C-alpha atoms as a PDB file:
ATOM      1  CA  MET A   1      91.635  89.689 207.635  1.00  0.00           C
ATOM      2  CA  GLU A   2      90.799  91.004 211.120  1.00  0.00           C
ATOM      3  CA  SER A   3      88.660  87.969 211.894  1.00  0.00           C
ATOM      4  CA  LEU A   4      91.293  85.434 210.812  1.00  0.00           C
ATOM      5  CA  PRO A   5      93.334  83.501 213.402  1.00  0.00           C
ATOM      6  CA  LYS A   6      96.895  84.736 213.841  1.00  0.00           C
ATOM      7  CA  VAL A   7      98.398  81.598 212.269  1.00  0.00           C
ATOM      8  CA  VAL A   8      96.250  82.081 209.126  1.00  0.00           C
ATOM      9  CA  LYS A   9      97.194  85.773 208.852  1.00  0.00           C
ATOM     10  CA  ARG A  10     100.826  84.662 208.941  1.00  0.00           C
ATOM     11  CA  ARG A  11     100.235  82.367 205.957  1.00  0.00           C
ATOM     12  CA  VAL A  12      98.390  85.126 204.082  1.00  0.00           C
ATOM     13  CA  ASN A  13     101.456  87.336 204.544  1.00  0.00           C
ATOM     14  CA  ALA A  14     103.522  84.578 202.931  1.00  0.00           C
ATOM     15  CA  LEU A  15     101.122  84.659 199.943  1.00  0.00           C
ATOM     16  CA  LYS A  16     101.550  88.431 199.692  1.00  0.00           C
ATOM     17  CA  ASN A  17     105.330  88.003 199.523  1.00  0.00           C
ATOM     18  CA  LEU A  18     104.822  85.524 196.694  1.00  0.00           C
ATOM     19  CA  GLN A  19     102.574  88.059 194.968  1.00  0.00           C
ATOM     20  CA  VAL A  20     105.333  90.676 195.125  1.00  0.00           C
ATOM     21  CA  LYS A  21     107.718  88.205 193.446  1.00  0.00           C
ATOM     22  CA  CYS A  22     105.044  87.631 190.758  1.00  0.00           C
ATOM     23  CA  ALA A  23     104.890  91.391 190.153  1.00  0.00           C
ATOM     24  CA  HIS A  24     108.664  91.507 189.594  1.00  0.00           C
ATOM     25  CA  ILE A  25     108.443  88.616 187.102  1.00  0.00           C
ATOM     26  CA  GLU A  26     105.580  90.428 185.351  1.00  0.00           C
ATOM     27  CA  ALA A  27     107.786  93.533 185.099  1.00  0.00           C
ATOM     28  CA  LYS A  28     110.456  91.448 183.334  1.00  0.00           C
ATOM     29  CA  PHE A  29     107.762  90.093 181.021  1.00  0.00           C
ATOM     30  CA  TYR A  30     106.814  93.644 179.949  1.00  0.00           C
ATOM     31  CA  GLU A  31     110.468  94.523 179.404  1.00  0.00           C
ATOM     32  CA  GLU A  32     110.699  91.624 176.955  1.00  0.00           C
ATOM     33  CA  VAL A  33     107.446  92.735 175.314  1.00  0.00           C
ATOM     34  CA  HIS A  34     109.080  96.148 174.772  1.00  0.00           C
ATOM     35  CA  GLU A  35     112.026  94.389 173.111  1.00  0.00           C
ATOM     36  CA  LEU A  36     109.612  92.491 170.856  1.00  0.00           C
ATOM     37  CA  GLU A  37     107.864  95.741 169.935  1.00  0.00           C
ATOM     38  CA  ARG A  38     111.224  97.227 169.011  1.00  0.00           C
ATOM     39  CA  LYS A  39     112.103  94.161 166.913  1.00  0.00           C
ATOM     40  CA  TYR A  40     108.785  94.120 165.034  1.00  0.00           C
ATOM     41  CA  ALA A  41     108.792  97.912 164.578  1.00  0.00           C
ATOM     42  CA  ALA A  42     111.796  97.372 162.298  1.00  0.00           C
ATOM     43  CA  LEU A  43     109.763  94.847 160.259  1.00  0.00           C
ATOM     44  CA  TYR A  44     106.753  97.166 159.965  1.00  0.00           C
ATOM     45  CA  GLN A  45     108.832 100.202 159.015  1.00  0.00           C
ATOM     46  CA  PRO A  46     109.369  99.388 155.286  1.00  0.00           C
ATOM     47  CA  LEU A  47     105.570  99.089 154.920  1.00  0.00           C
ATOM     48  CA  PHE A  48     105.010 102.358 156.782  1.00  0.00           C
ATOM     49  CA  ASP A  49     107.689 104.024 154.631  1.00  0.00           C
ATOM     50  CA  LYS A  50     105.869 102.901 151.483  1.00  0.00           C
ATOM     51  CA  ARG A  51     102.594 104.192 152.964  1.00  0.00           C
ATOM     52  CA  SER A  52     104.290 107.562 153.483  1.00  0.00           C
ATOM     53  CA  GLU A  53     105.583 107.608 149.889  1.00  0.00           C
ATOM     54  CA  ILE A  54     102.053 107.008 148.555  1.00  0.00           C
ATOM     55  CA  ILE A  55     100.534 109.676 150.832  1.00  0.00           C
ATOM     56  CA  LYS A  56     103.157 112.250 149.748  1.00  0.00           C
ATOM     57  CA  GLY A  57     102.796 111.358 146.081  1.00  0.00           C
ATOM     58  CA  ALA A  58     106.403 110.250 145.790  1.00  0.00           C
ATOM     59  CA  TYR A  59     105.303 106.778 144.662  1.00  0.00           C
ATOM     60  CA  GLU A  60     102.374 105.815 142.441  1.00  0.00           C
ATOM     61  CA  PRO A  61     101.076 102.333 143.344  1.00  0.00           C
ATOM     62  CA  THR A  62     100.577  99.796 140.568  1.00  0.00           C
ATOM     63  CA  ASP A  63      97.161  98.528 139.435  1.00  0.00           C
ATOM     64  CA  GLU A  64      97.861  95.301 141.284  1.00  0.00           C
ATOM     65  CA  GLU A  65      98.657  97.176 144.504  1.00  0.00           C
ATOM     66  CA  CYS A  66      95.447  99.221 144.125  1.00  0.00           C
ATOM     67  CA  ASN A  67      93.200  96.223 143.546  1.00  0.00           C
ATOM     68  CA  TRP A  68      90.869  96.069 146.554  1.00  0.00           C
ATOM     69  CA  LYS A  69      87.496  94.377 146.723  1.00  0.00           C
ATOM     70  CA  ALA A  70      85.259  96.185 149.202  1.00  0.00           C
ATOM     71  CA  ASP A  71      82.387  94.283 150.845  1.00  0.00           C
ATOM     72  CA  GLU A  72      79.646  96.274 149.094  1.00  0.00           C
ATOM     73  CA  GLU A  73      81.222  95.603 145.675  1.00  0.00           C
ATOM     74  CA  GLU A  74      80.657  91.887 146.117  1.00  0.00           C
ATOM     75  CA  GLU A  75      76.884  92.397 145.770  1.00  0.00           C
ATOM     76  CA  LEU A  76      77.045  94.738 142.740  1.00  0.00           C
ATOM     77  CA  THR A  77      76.029  93.420 139.337  1.00  0.00           C
ATOM     78  CA  GLU A  78      78.413  93.787 136.397  1.00  0.00           C
ATOM     79  CA  GLU A  79      76.158  96.516 134.934  1.00  0.00           C
ATOM     80  CA  MET A  80      76.241  98.512 138.199  1.00  0.00           C
ATOM     81  CA  LYS A  81      80.011  98.111 138.460  1.00  0.00           C
ATOM     82  CA  GLU A  82      80.462  99.429 134.898  1.00  0.00           C
ATOM     83  CA  LYS A  83      78.181 102.396 135.614  1.00  0.00           C
ATOM     84  CA  ALA A  84      80.050 103.204 138.833  1.00  0.00           C
ATOM     85  CA  LYS A  85      83.373 102.959 136.980  1.00  0.00           C
ATOM     86  CA  LEU A  86      82.222 105.398 134.262  1.00  0.00           C
ATOM     87  CA  GLU A  87      80.969 107.885 136.867  1.00  0.00           C
ATOM     88  CA  GLU A  88      84.271 107.653 138.720  1.00  0.00           C
ATOM     89  CA  GLU A  89      86.248 108.222 135.514  1.00  0.00           C
ATOM     90  CA  LYS A  90      84.051 111.227 134.694  1.00  0.00           C
ATOM     91  CA  LYS A  91      84.717 112.737 138.116  1.00  0.00           C
ATOM     92  CA  ASP A  92      88.454 112.134 137.688  1.00  0.00           C
ATOM     93  CA  GLU A  93      88.404 113.943 134.320  1.00  0.00           C
ATOM     94  CA  GLU A  94      86.603 116.936 135.838  1.00  0.00           C
ATOM     95  CA  LYS A  95      89.064 117.242 138.714  1.00  0.00           C
ATOM     96  CA  GLU A  96      92.726 118.050 138.544  1.00  0.00           C
ATOM     97  CA  ASP A  97      94.766 114.980 139.496  1.00  0.00           C
ATOM     98  CA  PRO A  98      95.811 115.563 143.131  1.00  0.00           C
ATOM     99  CA  ARG A  99      99.216 114.534 144.349  1.00  0.00           C
ATOM    100  CA  GLY A 100      99.273 111.526 146.685  1.00  0.00           C
ATOM    101  CA  ILE A 101      96.472 111.554 149.275  1.00  0.00           C
ATOM    102  CA  PRO A 102      95.854 115.198 150.233  1.00  0.00           C
ATOM    103  CA  GLU A 103      95.260 116.048 153.907  1.00  0.00           C
ATOM    104  CA  PHE A 104      95.634 112.394 154.917  1.00  0.00           C
ATOM    105  CA  TRP A 105      96.837 112.954 158.490  1.00  0.00           C
ATOM    106  CA  LEU A 106      94.605 115.983 159.050  1.00  0.00           C
ATOM    107  CA  THR A 107      91.615 113.810 158.100  1.00  0.00           C
ATOM    108  CA  VAL A 108      92.794 111.082 160.500  1.00  0.00           C
ATOM    109  CA  PHE A 109      93.019 113.640 163.315  1.00  0.00           C
ATOM    110  CA  LYS A 110      89.581 115.087 162.536  1.00  0.00           C
ATOM    111  CA  ASN A 111      88.024 111.610 162.465  1.00  0.00           C
ATOM    112  CA  VAL A 112      89.251 110.664 165.961  1.00  0.00           C
ATOM    113  CA  ASP A 113      87.479 112.403 168.851  1.00  0.00           C
ATOM    114  CA  LEU A 114      90.508 112.174 171.148  1.00  0.00           C
ATOM    115  CA  LEU A 115      92.599 114.130 168.618  1.00  0.00           C
ATOM    116  CA  SER A 116      89.940 116.374 167.068  1.00  0.00           C
ATOM    117  CA  ASP A 117      89.205 117.802 170.538  1.00  0.00           C
ATOM    118  CA  MET A 118      92.757 119.226 170.505  1.00  0.00           C
ATOM    119  CA  LEU A 119      92.465 120.757 167.037  1.00  0.00           C
ATOM    120  CA  GLN A 120      91.687 124.419 166.524  1.00  0.00           C
ATOM    121  CA  GLU A 121      90.750 126.003 163.215  1.00  0.00           C
ATOM    122  CA  HIS A 122      94.143 127.747 163.043  1.00  0.00           C
ATOM    123  CA  ASP A 123      95.924 124.352 163.396  1.00  0.00           C
ATOM    124  CA  GLU A 124      94.390 122.874 160.248  1.00  0.00           C
ATOM    125  CA  PRO A 125      96.421 124.777 157.602  1.00  0.00           C
ATOM    126  CA  ILE A 126      99.594 123.602 159.395  1.00  0.00           C
ATOM    127  CA  LEU A 127      98.531 119.961 159.702  1.00  0.00           C
ATOM    128  CA  LYS A 128      97.873 119.865 155.956  1.00  0.00           C
ATOM    129  CA  HIS A 129     101.681 119.786 155.697  1.00  0.00           C
ATOM    130  CA  LEU A 130     102.037 116.738 158.009  1.00  0.00           C
ATOM    131  CA  GLN A 131     103.433 113.908 155.886  1.00  0.00           C
ATOM    132  CA  ASP A 132     104.100 111.087 158.351  1.00  0.00           C
ATOM    133  CA  ILE A 133     104.041 110.035 162.009  1.00  0.00           C
ATOM    134  CA  LYS A 134     106.593 107.492 163.209  1.00  0.00           C
ATOM    135  CA  VAL A 135     107.358 105.794 166.509  1.00  0.00           C
ATOM    136  CA  LYS A 136     110.914 105.010 167.632  1.00  0.00           C
ATOM    137  CA  PHE A 137     111.611 102.709 170.590  1.00  0.00           C
ATOM    138  CA  SER A 138     114.554 103.098 172.954  1.00  0.00           C
ATOM    139  CA  ASP A 139     117.662 100.966 172.407  1.00  0.00           C
ATOM    140  CA  PRO A 140     118.093  97.796 174.524  1.00  0.00           C
ATOM    141  CA  ASP A 141     120.736  99.365 176.788  1.00  0.00           C
ATOM    142  CA  GLN A 142     118.679 102.525 177.379  1.00  0.00           C
ATOM    143  CA  PRO A 143     115.833 103.196 179.869  1.00  0.00           C
ATOM    144  CA  MET A 144     112.432 102.191 178.450  1.00  0.00           C
ATOM    145  CA  SER A 145     110.891 104.943 176.300  1.00  0.00           C
ATOM    146  CA  PHE A 146     109.337 105.695 172.927  1.00  0.00           C
ATOM    147  CA  THR A 147     109.442 108.783 170.717  1.00  0.00           C
ATOM    148  CA  LEU A 148     106.720 110.025 168.372  1.00  0.00           C
ATOM    149  CA  GLU A 149     108.077 111.804 165.294  1.00  0.00           C
ATOM    150  CA  PHE A 150     105.830 114.141 163.280  1.00  0.00           C
ATOM    151  CA  HIS A 151     107.355 114.740 159.831  1.00  0.00           C
ATOM    152  CA  PHE A 152     106.353 117.919 157.950  1.00  0.00           C
ATOM    153  CA  GLU A 153     107.032 119.117 154.438  1.00  0.00           C
ATOM    154  CA  PRO A 154     108.547 122.618 154.114  1.00  0.00           C
ATOM    155  CA  ASN A 155     105.928 125.195 155.108  1.00  0.00           C
ATOM    156  CA  ASP A 156     105.433 128.858 156.003  1.00  0.00           C
ATOM    157  CA  PHE A 157     104.724 128.217 159.695  1.00  0.00           C
ATOM    158  CA  PHE A 158     107.963 126.798 161.150  1.00  0.00           C
ATOM    159  CA  THR A 159     111.379 125.660 159.983  1.00  0.00           C
ATOM    160  CA  ASN A 160     111.416 122.260 161.749  1.00  0.00           C
ATOM    161  CA  GLN A 161     111.130 119.251 159.474  1.00  0.00           C
ATOM    162  CA  VAL A 162     110.419 116.935 162.408  1.00  0.00           C
ATOM    163  CA  LEU A 163     108.631 117.613 165.712  1.00  0.00           C
ATOM    164  CA  THR A 164     109.194 115.047 168.469  1.00  0.00           C
ATOM    165  CA  LYS A 165     107.600 113.927 171.713  1.00  0.00           C
ATOM    166  CA  THR A 166     109.390 111.399 173.945  1.00  0.00           C
ATOM    167  CA  TYR A 167     107.630 109.349 176.629  1.00  0.00           C
ATOM    168  CA  LYS A 168     109.719 107.835 179.427  1.00  0.00           C
ATOM    169  CA  MET A 169     108.369 104.630 180.923  1.00  0.00           C
ATOM    170  CA  ARG A 170     109.025 102.423 183.914  1.00  0.00           C
ATOM    171  CA  SER A 171     108.335  98.718 184.200  1.00  0.00           C
ATOM    172  CA  GLU A 172     108.913  97.861 187.833  1.00  0.00           C
ATOM    173  CA  PRO A 173     106.636  97.597 190.868  1.00  0.00           C
ATOM    174  CA  ASP A 174     106.531 100.521 193.266  1.00  0.00           C
ATOM    175  CA  GLU A 175     108.219  99.435 196.488  1.00  0.00           C
ATOM    176  CA  ALA A 176     105.633 101.336 198.536  1.00  0.00           C
ATOM    177  CA  ASP A 177     102.684  99.764 196.661  1.00  0.00           C
ATOM    178  CA  PRO A 178     103.832  96.701 194.669  1.00  0.00           C
ATOM    179  CA  PHE A 179     100.299  95.315 194.239  1.00  0.00           C
ATOM    180  CA  SER A 180      99.288  98.314 192.097  1.00  0.00           C
ATOM    181  CA  PHE A 181     101.661  97.228 189.311  1.00  0.00           C
ATOM    182  CA  ASP A 182      99.739  96.673 186.084  1.00  0.00           C
ATOM    183  CA  GLY A 183     102.383  96.912 183.387  1.00  0.00           C
ATOM    184  CA  PRO A 184     104.665  99.755 182.254  1.00  0.00           C
ATOM    185  CA  GLU A 185     103.622 103.268 183.233  1.00  0.00           C
ATOM    186  CA  ILE A 186     104.591 106.557 181.611  1.00  0.00           C
ATOM    187  CA  MET A 187     106.700 108.533 184.074  1.00  0.00           C
ATOM    188  CA  GLY A 188     107.104 111.730 182.097  1.00  0.00           C
ATOM    189  CA  CYS A 189     107.433 113.230 178.641  1.00  0.00           C
ATOM    190  CA  THR A 190     109.474 115.842 176.847  1.00  0.00           C
ATOM    191  CA  GLY A 191     108.522 117.789 173.748  1.00  0.00           C
ATOM    192  CA  CYS A 192     110.651 119.907 171.463  1.00  0.00           C
ATOM    193  CA  GLN A 193     111.182 123.531 170.549  1.00  0.00           C
ATOM    194  CA  ILE A 194     109.174 124.676 167.550  1.00  0.00           C
ATOM    195  CA  ASP A 195     111.045 127.273 165.475  1.00  0.00           C
ATOM    196  CA  TRP A 196     108.072 129.381 164.441  1.00  0.00           C
ATOM    197  CA  THR A 197     108.213 131.813 161.560  1.00  0.00           C
ATOM    198  CA  LYS A 198     107.650 135.369 162.780  1.00  0.00           C
ATOM    199  CA  GLY A 199     103.943 136.044 163.263  1.00  0.00           C
ATOM    200  CA  LYS A 200     102.938 132.393 162.678  1.00  0.00           C
ATOM    201  CA  ASN A 201     103.052 130.981 166.244  1.00  0.00           C
ATOM    202  CA  VAL A 202      99.516 129.629 166.793  1.00  0.00           C
ATOM    203  CA  THR A 203     100.244 128.703 170.444  1.00  0.00           C
ATOM    204  CA  LEU A 204     100.256 132.415 171.357  1.00  0.00           C
ATOM    205  CA  LYS A 205      97.765 135.190 170.710  1.00  0.00           C
ATOM    206  CA  THR A 206      97.856 138.946 171.167  1.00  0.00           C
ATOM    207  CA  ILE A 207      95.118 140.650 173.149  1.00  0.00           C
ATOM    208  CA  LYS A 208      94.484 144.327 173.823  1.00  0.00           C
ATOM    209  CA  LYS A 209      93.341 145.557 177.227  1.00  0.00           C
ATOM    210  CA  LYS A 210      92.374 149.022 178.350  1.00  0.00           C
ATOM    211  CA  GLN A 211      94.043 150.261 181.547  1.00  0.00           C
ATOM    212  CA  LYS A 212      92.976 153.291 183.543  1.00  0.00           C
ATOM    213  CA  HIS A 213      95.666 155.313 185.334  1.00  0.00           C
ATOM    214  CA  LYS A 214      94.763 155.537 189.039  1.00  0.00           C
ATOM    215  CA  GLY A 215      96.034 159.082 189.534  1.00  0.00           C
ATOM    216  CA  ARG A 216      95.391 160.875 186.258  1.00  0.00           C
ATOM    217  CA  GLY A 217      92.330 158.914 185.197  1.00  0.00           C
ATOM    218  CA  THR A 218      93.640 158.553 181.647  1.00  0.00           C
ATOM    219  CA  VAL A 219      93.001 155.351 179.713  1.00  0.00           C
ATOM    220  CA  ARG A 220      95.621 153.562 177.646  1.00  0.00           C
ATOM    221  CA  THR A 221      95.536 150.395 175.542  1.00  0.00           C
ATOM    222  CA  VAL A 222      98.018 147.682 176.527  1.00  0.00           C
ATOM    223  CA  THR A 223      98.945 144.802 174.204  1.00  0.00           C
ATOM    224  CA  LYS A 224      99.689 141.430 175.830  1.00  0.00           C
ATOM    225  CA  THR A 225     100.790 138.084 174.443  1.00  0.00           C
ATOM    226  CA  VAL A 226      98.997 135.162 176.108  1.00  0.00           C
ATOM    227  CA  PRO A 227      98.844 131.368 175.541  1.00  0.00           C
ATOM    228  CA  ASN A 228      96.423 130.177 172.872  1.00  0.00           C
ATOM    229  CA  ASP A 229      94.639 126.822 172.521  1.00  0.00           C
ATOM    230  CA  SER A 230      96.353 124.735 169.865  1.00  0.00           C
ATOM    231  CA  PHE A 231      97.263 121.156 168.990  1.00  0.00           C
ATOM    232  CA  PHE A 232     100.888 122.288 168.945  1.00  0.00           C
ATOM    233  CA  ASN A 233     100.841 122.787 172.728  1.00  0.00           C
ATOM    234  CA  PHE A 234     101.201 118.984 172.658  1.00  0.00           C
ATOM    235  CA  PHE A 235     104.928 119.557 172.086  1.00  0.00           C
ATOM    236  CA  CYS A 236     105.284 121.638 175.256  1.00  0.00           C
ATOM    237  CA  PRO A 237     103.959 119.473 178.122  1.00  0.00           C
ATOM    238  CA  PRO A 238     104.227 120.451 181.816  1.00  0.00           C
ATOM    239  CA  GLU A 239     107.528 119.435 183.357  1.00  0.00           C
ATOM    240  CA  VAL A 240     107.395 116.767 186.064  1.00  0.00           C
ATOM    241  CA  PRO A 241     109.411 117.955 189.094  1.00  0.00           C
ATOM    242  CA  GLU A 242     112.014 115.624 190.609  1.00  0.00           C
ATOM    243  CA  ASN A 243     109.761 114.922 193.612  1.00  0.00           C
ATOM    244  CA  GLY A 244     107.003 113.885 191.155  1.00  0.00           C
ATOM    245  CA  GLU A 245     104.438 116.219 192.744  1.00  0.00           C
ATOM    246  CA  LEU A 246     102.173 118.168 190.377  1.00  0.00           C
ATOM    247  CA  ASP A 247      99.260 120.533 190.865  1.00  0.00           C
ATOM    248  CA  GLU A 248      95.801 119.292 189.813  1.00  0.00           C
ATOM    249  CA  ASP A 249      95.744 121.133 186.481  1.00  0.00           C
ATOM    250  CA  SER A 250      99.181 119.869 185.423  1.00  0.00           C
ATOM    251  CA  GLU A 251      98.255 116.351 186.531  1.00  0.00           C
ATOM    252  CA  ALA A 252      95.107 116.430 184.372  1.00  0.00           C
ATOM    253  CA  VAL A 253      97.041 117.783 181.374  1.00  0.00           C
ATOM    254  CA  LEU A 254      99.696 115.070 181.700  1.00  0.00           C
ATOM    255  CA  ALA A 255      97.125 112.294 182.150  1.00  0.00           C
ATOM    256  CA  ALA A 256      95.395 113.369 178.923  1.00  0.00           C
ATOM    257  CA  ASP A 257      98.782 113.763 177.223  1.00  0.00           C
ATOM    258  CA  PHE A 258      99.830 110.213 178.157  1.00  0.00           C
ATOM    259  CA  GLU A 259      96.527 108.838 176.859  1.00  0.00           C
ATOM    260  CA  ILE A 260      96.960 110.655 173.535  1.00  0.00           C
ATOM    261  CA  GLY A 261     100.605 109.573 173.133  1.00  0.00           C
ATOM    262  CA  HIS A 262      99.726 105.958 173.869  1.00  0.00           C
ATOM    263  CA  PHE A 263      96.754 106.066 171.460  1.00  0.00           C
ATOM    264  CA  ILE A 264      98.858 107.500 168.618  1.00  0.00           C
ATOM    265  CA  ARG A 265     101.504 104.830 169.167  1.00  0.00           C
ATOM    266  CA  GLU A 266      99.153 101.860 169.639  1.00  0.00           C
ATOM    267  CA  ARG A 267      96.302 102.674 167.249  1.00  0.00           C
ATOM    268  CA  ILE A 268      96.886 105.604 164.895  1.00  0.00           C
ATOM    269  CA  ILE A 269     100.333 104.738 163.505  1.00  0.00           C
ATOM    270  CA  PRO A 270      99.660 101.017 162.872  1.00  0.00           C
ATOM    271  CA  ARG A 271      96.133 101.536 161.427  1.00  0.00           C
ATOM    272  CA  ALA A 272      96.223 105.040 159.955  1.00  0.00           C
ATOM    273  CA  VAL A 273      94.383 104.191 156.703  1.00  0.00           C
ATOM    274  CA  LEU A 274      91.454 102.720 158.666  1.00  0.00           C
ATOM    275  CA  TYR A 275      91.120 105.909 160.698  1.00  0.00           C
ATOM    276  CA  PHE A 276      91.301 107.895 157.446  1.00  0.00           C
ATOM    277  CA  THR A 277      88.410 105.893 155.961  1.00  0.00           C
ATOM    278  CA  GLY A 278      86.518 105.718 159.271  1.00  0.00           C
ATOM    279  CA  GLU A 279      86.495 101.906 159.450  1.00  0.00           C
ATOM    280  CA  ALA A 280      88.649 101.787 162.598  1.00  0.00           C
ATOM    281  CA  ILE A 281      86.327 104.289 164.304  1.00  0.00           C
ATOM    282  CA  GLU A 282      83.377 101.950 163.710  1.00  0.00           C
ATOM    283  CA  ASP A 283      85.420  99.078 165.189  1.00  0.00           C
ATOM    284  CA  ASP A 284      86.316 101.230 168.227  1.00  0.00           C
ATOM    285  CA  ASP A 285      82.626 102.147 168.683  1.00  0.00           C
ATOM    286  CA  ASP A 286      81.674  98.445 168.497  1.00  0.00           C
ATOM    287  CA  ASP A 287      84.311  97.630 171.138  1.00  0.00           C
ATOM    288  CA  VAL A 288      82.962 100.353 173.434  1.00  0.00           C
ATOM    289  CA  SER A 289      79.372  99.108 172.945  1.00  0.00           C
ATOM    290  CA  GLN A 290      80.393  95.512 173.685  1.00  0.00           C
ATOM    291  CA  ASN A 291      82.311  96.610 176.790  1.00  0.00           C
ATOM    292  CA  ARG A 292      79.286  98.549 178.032  1.00  0.00           C
ATOM    293  CA  GLU A 293      76.981  95.600 177.373  1.00  0.00           C
ATOM    294  CA  GLY A 294      79.407  93.314 179.211  1.00  0.00           C
ATOM    295  CA  GLU A 295      79.491  95.663 182.187  1.00  0.00           C
ATOM    296  CA  GLU A 296      75.695  95.866 182.252  1.00  0.00           C
ATOM    297  CA  GLU A 297      75.420  92.073 182.121  1.00  0.00           C
ATOM    298  CA  ALA A 298      77.957  91.730 184.915  1.00  0.00           C
ATOM    299  CA  ASP A 299      76.004  94.240 187.030  1.00  0.00           C
ATOM    300  CA  GLU A 300      72.797  92.315 186.421  1.00  0.00           C
ATOM    301  CA  GLU A 301      74.365  88.974 187.280  1.00  0.00           C
ATOM    302  CA  ASN A 302      75.818  90.408 190.495  1.00  0.00           C
ATOM    303  CA  ASP A 303      72.378  91.704 191.504  1.00  0.00           C
ATOM    304  CA  PRO A 304      71.004  89.287 194.156  1.00  0.00           C
ATOM    305  CA  GLU A 305      67.451  89.893 192.829  1.00  0.00           C
ATOM    306  CA  TYR A 306      68.360  89.358 189.188  1.00  0.00           C
ATOM    307  CA  ASP A 307      66.599  86.494 187.399  1.00  0.00           C
ATOM    308  CA  PRO A 308      67.988  85.688 183.905  1.00  0.00           C
ATOM    309  CA  LYS A 309      64.472  84.713 182.720  1.00  0.00           C
ATOM    310  CA  VAL A 310      63.007  88.139 183.447  1.00  0.00           C
ATOM    311  CA  GLY A 311      66.079  90.383 183.095  1.00  0.00           C
ATOM    312  CA  ALA A 312      66.318  93.213 185.607  1.00  0.00           C
ATOM    313  CA  ILE A 313      62.864  92.754 187.132  1.00  0.00           C
ATOM    314  CA  PRO A 314      63.220  92.045 190.888  1.00  0.00           C
ATOM    315  CA  LEU A 315      62.167  88.506 191.847  1.00  0.00           C
ATOM    316  CA  SER A 316      59.841  89.916 194.499  1.00  0.00           C
ATOM    317  CA  LEU A 317      57.682  91.405 191.719  1.00  0.00           C
ATOM    318  CA  THR A 318      57.450  88.185 189.697  1.00  0.00           C
ATOM    319  CA  THR A 319      56.075  86.095 192.556  1.00  0.00           C
ATOM    320  CA  GLN A 320      52.871  88.106 192.933  1.00  0.00           C
END
């Protein structure tokens, strides 16, 4: 820009003003996308409700609904299929018929690295009682937001039937930096109070410390309650002050929190069964591998000494 003639710089400034107007139109586009998400969420919900009924054991699917032809079954001979069927029936006879799909959501969480990193051993008995996760979008006349609802069956750990986490979003360019706009951003989130049963709060732990009296020299044991690592800290995020300024630790916690909330909404809820079976994880791994390969190819192509015939070998070495 510095080397451009003044008259050209003037025209570039006009282009920047056009770009700002584009950003505002893009913001409107994302607002309409949010409305579409809300509309289609209502269409998905009956299917998700039926999924929940099957998981809980409240509804037993028909033979027709259970008929699924997996890829590997296509190559099996009739004899192998019959043998596999007999073995399966034998296993079913040996085991007590479980209700629904036991530990469905706990298995989903354990299969996904982003979520399993949050899980502690003491969280698992509680998450065995998780029956459904739903997403609710804000009404048209309300500020843009979405709420994750975690539905639990009655349990010994807390009295809540539903735990919630609400994410507030904004879809408008920042006046101070309009060119940074890249779609809606999460501005903050609020959790909920968990009504723990006495002695069952896994987000706190009791530690004992020995203290020595300075004057008398006697030693006493002091009991303290301190925060404990747990998935359920997810429902108590750091508060964002009105000025929006956070310390580094809180900023890192919120950034991870936003990523998790977005992932649950975008991937886990719509495709839960595929994360339960592991198929979605394989797809995610393939996507990551393809993205990495694409980045490597782009780096190679941008290398001035890159020759597609010889890969990453510098041209200066091939001419000798």
